[in-house]
Amino acid sequence: MLLVDAERPEPVRSGARELALFLTPEPGAEAKEVEETIEEMLLRLEEFCSLTDMIRTDTSQILEENIPLLKTKVMEVNGIYAKVDRLEAFVKMVGHHVSFLEAHVLQAERDHGAFPQALRRWLGATGLAAFRNKPPTPAPPPYELPKLYRTEDYFPVDGREATRHTS
């Protein structure tokens, strides 16, 4: 379909020409918009690629450097946990020995009397006959020291690893 007809008068032809120019899009403007859109997308693609490269580099650095450091720290912490476990066992053993010795002290106090000698003299000096004329008690059996731990066995002075004795 022709918008401009050769047989029509000139004003109609010029109006039709203007209308045709108005309705016909400029190929340069559309191409320019498409080029700008493509450039923007390429710029964003380049940013995305650089971001993925940076992530890949960071991941490689983590795998090559930080993971071995973390493994050594885990080994150190496991060693500390083992020492804490040994120390807890030692404290438990010492608590057992303290309870044992406390029972022995209480038994010795019952066997030999609970009052110290100075207190008996003082009370005897006040004139109380019950403290002066006490019947002689038979000689107590000789005291034997119980077998206990030696701290040096668990915490050596020269820094050697302690040999663990269990009781």
Protein backbone atom coordinates (compact mmCIF):
# COMPACT_ATOMS: atom_id res chain seq x y z
CA MET A 1 0.00 0.00 0.00
CA LEU A 2 1.35 3.31 -1.02
CA LEU A 3 0.80 6.30 1.17
CA VAL A 4 1.87 8.75 -1.45
CA ASP A 5 0.07 8.69 -4.76
CA ALA A 6 1.52 10.46 -7.74
CA GLU A 7 -1.86 11.67 -8.92
CA ARG A 8 -2.80 13.52 -5.80
CA PRO A 9 -1.98 17.12 -5.21
CA GLU A 10 1.26 18.23 -3.56
CA PRO A 11 -0.09 19.23 -0.05
CA VAL A 12 -1.57 15.83 0.44
CA ARG A 13 1.63 14.25 -0.70
CA SER A 14 3.75 16.31 1.69
CA GLY A 15 1.37 15.55 4.59
CA ALA A 16 1.52 11.87 3.79
CA ARG A 17 5.28 12.07 3.65
CA GLU A 18 5.43 13.74 7.09
CA LEU A 19 3.04 11.17 8.52
CA ALA A 20 5.15 8.36 7.07
CA LEU A 21 8.30 9.86 8.57
CA PHE A 22 6.56 10.27 11.91
CA LEU A 23 5.28 6.70 11.97
CA THR A 24 8.47 5.09 10.67
CA PRO A 25 10.84 4.40 13.55
CA GLU A 26 14.42 5.48 13.26
CA PRO A 27 16.61 2.43 12.90
CA GLY A 28 19.54 4.28 14.48
CA ALA A 29 17.67 5.07 17.74
CA GLU A 30 16.45 1.50 18.21
CA ALA A 31 19.87 0.12 17.40
CA LYS A 32 21.41 2.56 19.88
CA GLU A 33 19.00 1.35 22.65
CA VAL A 34 19.81 -2.27 21.84
CA GLU A 35 23.55 -1.53 21.92
CA GLU A 36 23.23 0.25 25.29
CA THR A 37 21.25 -2.69 26.70
CA ILE A 38 23.85 -5.14 25.39
CA GLU A 39 26.70 -3.05 26.85
CA GLU A 40 24.93 -2.91 30.22
CA MET A 41 24.40 -6.68 30.19
CA LEU A 42 28.06 -7.27 29.24
CA LEU A 43 29.17 -5.00 32.08
CA ARG A 44 27.02 -6.91 34.54
CA LEU A 45 28.31 -10.22 33.16
CA GLU A 46 31.88 -9.01 33.64
CA GLU A 47 31.10 -7.97 37.24
CA PHE A 48 29.53 -11.38 37.86
CA CYS A 49 32.58 -13.17 36.41
CA SER A 50 34.96 -11.12 38.55
CA LEU A 51 32.82 -11.87 41.60
CA THR A 52 32.87 -15.62 40.89
CA ASP A 53 36.65 -15.49 40.37
CA MET A 54 37.04 -13.71 43.70
CA ILE A 55 34.89 -16.33 45.43
CA ARG A 56 36.86 -19.11 43.76
CA THR A 57 40.13 -17.52 44.89
CA ASP A 58 38.87 -17.11 48.46
CA THR A 59 37.67 -20.71 48.51
CA SER A 60 41.06 -21.92 47.30
CA GLN A 61 42.79 -19.82 49.94
CA ILE A 62 40.54 -21.27 52.64
CA LEU A 63 41.18 -24.81 51.46
CA GLU A 64 44.94 -24.37 51.12
CA GLU A 65 45.74 -22.18 54.13
CA ASN A 66 42.98 -22.02 56.72
CA ILE A 67 41.89 -25.67 56.80
CA PRO A 68 45.39 -26.94 57.79
CA LEU A 69 45.58 -24.23 60.46
CA LEU A 70 42.21 -25.31 61.80
CA LYS A 71 43.35 -28.95 61.84
CA THR A 72 46.43 -28.07 63.91
CA LYS A 73 44.28 -26.04 66.31
CA VAL A 74 41.89 -29.00 66.67
CA MET A 75 44.84 -31.26 67.50
CA GLU A 76 46.08 -28.74 70.10
CA VAL A 77 42.60 -28.48 71.64
CA ASN A 78 42.32 -32.28 71.76
CA GLY A 79 45.64 -32.36 73.64
CA ILE A 80 44.31 -29.77 76.08
CA TYR A 81 41.14 -31.83 76.55
CA ALA A 82 43.27 -34.90 77.32
CA LYS A 83 45.26 -32.92 79.89
CA VAL A 84 42.04 -31.62 81.46
CA ASP A 85 40.72 -35.18 81.66
CA ARG A 86 43.92 -36.34 83.37
CA LEU A 87 43.75 -33.39 85.75
CA GLU A 88 40.13 -34.20 86.60
CA ALA A 89 41.13 -37.80 87.34
CA PHE A 90 43.99 -36.53 89.50
CA VAL A 91 41.69 -34.19 91.44
CA LYS A 92 39.22 -37.04 91.96
CA MET A 93 42.02 -39.27 93.26
CA VAL A 94 43.28 -36.53 95.59
CA GLY A 95 39.73 -36.02 96.88
CA HIS A 96 39.52 -39.74 97.60
CA HIS A 97 42.83 -39.61 99.51
CA VAL A 98 41.71 -36.54 101.47
CA SER A 99 38.52 -38.33 102.50
CA PHE A 100 40.60 -41.36 103.48
CA LEU A 101 42.98 -39.25 105.58
CA GLU A 102 40.12 -37.36 107.18
CA ALA A 103 38.58 -40.67 108.25
CA HIS A 104 41.96 -41.69 109.71
CA VAL A 105 42.25 -38.38 111.61
CA LEU A 106 38.76 -38.79 113.04
CA GLN A 107 39.58 -42.35 114.10
CA ALA A 108 42.84 -41.20 115.71
CA GLU A 109 40.98 -38.48 117.59
CA ARG A 110 38.52 -41.07 118.89
CA ASP A 111 41.34 -43.44 119.84
CA HIS A 112 43.57 -40.89 121.54
CA GLY A 113 41.04 -38.45 122.83
CA ALA A 114 39.71 -35.33 121.19
CA PHE A 115 41.23 -32.81 123.62
CA PRO A 116 44.77 -31.60 123.04
CA GLN A 117 47.23 -32.01 125.92
CA ALA A 118 47.45 -28.25 126.64
CA LEU A 119 43.68 -28.01 126.97
CA ARG A 120 43.68 -30.96 129.38
CA ARG A 121 46.34 -29.31 131.54
CA TRP A 122 44.36 -26.08 131.65
CA LEU A 123 41.16 -27.85 132.59
CA GLY A 124 43.05 -29.95 135.12
CA ALA A 125 44.49 -26.82 136.69
CA THR A 126 40.99 -25.48 137.36
CA GLY A 127 40.44 -28.22 139.85
CA LEU A 128 38.17 -30.56 138.00
CA ALA A 129 38.97 -34.02 139.31
CA ALA A 130 37.56 -35.76 136.28
CA PHE A 131 40.42 -34.44 134.18
CA ARG A 132 43.15 -35.06 136.79
CA ASN A 133 42.45 -38.60 137.77
CA LYS A 134 41.95 -40.29 134.46
CA PRO A 135 42.69 -43.99 134.44
CA PRO A 136 45.69 -44.86 132.32
CA THR A 137 44.78 -46.10 128.87
CA PRO A 138 46.61 -48.95 127.25
CA ALA A 139 49.30 -47.96 124.77
CA PRO A 140 47.79 -47.42 121.33
CA PRO A 141 49.08 -49.52 118.47
CA PRO A 142 51.79 -47.83 116.42
CA TYR A 143 50.41 -45.66 113.62
CA GLU A 144 51.18 -46.73 110.10
CA LEU A 145 51.10 -44.16 107.35
CA PRO A 146 48.71 -45.07 104.54
CA LYS A 147 50.07 -45.42 101.05
CA LEU A 148 49.27 -42.24 99.18
CA TYR A 149 50.18 -40.67 95.90
CA ARG A 150 53.24 -38.57 95.32
CA THR A 151 52.58 -35.29 93.56
CA GLU A 152 55.97 -35.54 91.83
CA ASP A 153 54.74 -38.66 90.06
CA TYR A 154 51.96 -36.66 88.41
CA PHE A 155 53.64 -33.28 88.03
CA PRO A 156 57.34 -33.89 87.48
CA VAL A 157 59.74 -31.07 88.15
CA ASP A 158 61.90 -31.59 85.07
CA GLY A 159 58.96 -31.42 82.65
CA ARG A 160 58.75 -35.11 81.72
CA GLU A 161 55.32 -36.50 81.06
CA ALA A 162 53.84 -37.74 84.29
CA THR A 163 53.49 -41.45 84.76
CA ARG A 164 49.97 -42.09 85.77
CA HIS A 165 49.40 -44.19 88.87
CA THR A 166 45.92 -45.32 89.65
CA SER A 167 44.76 -46.37 93.05
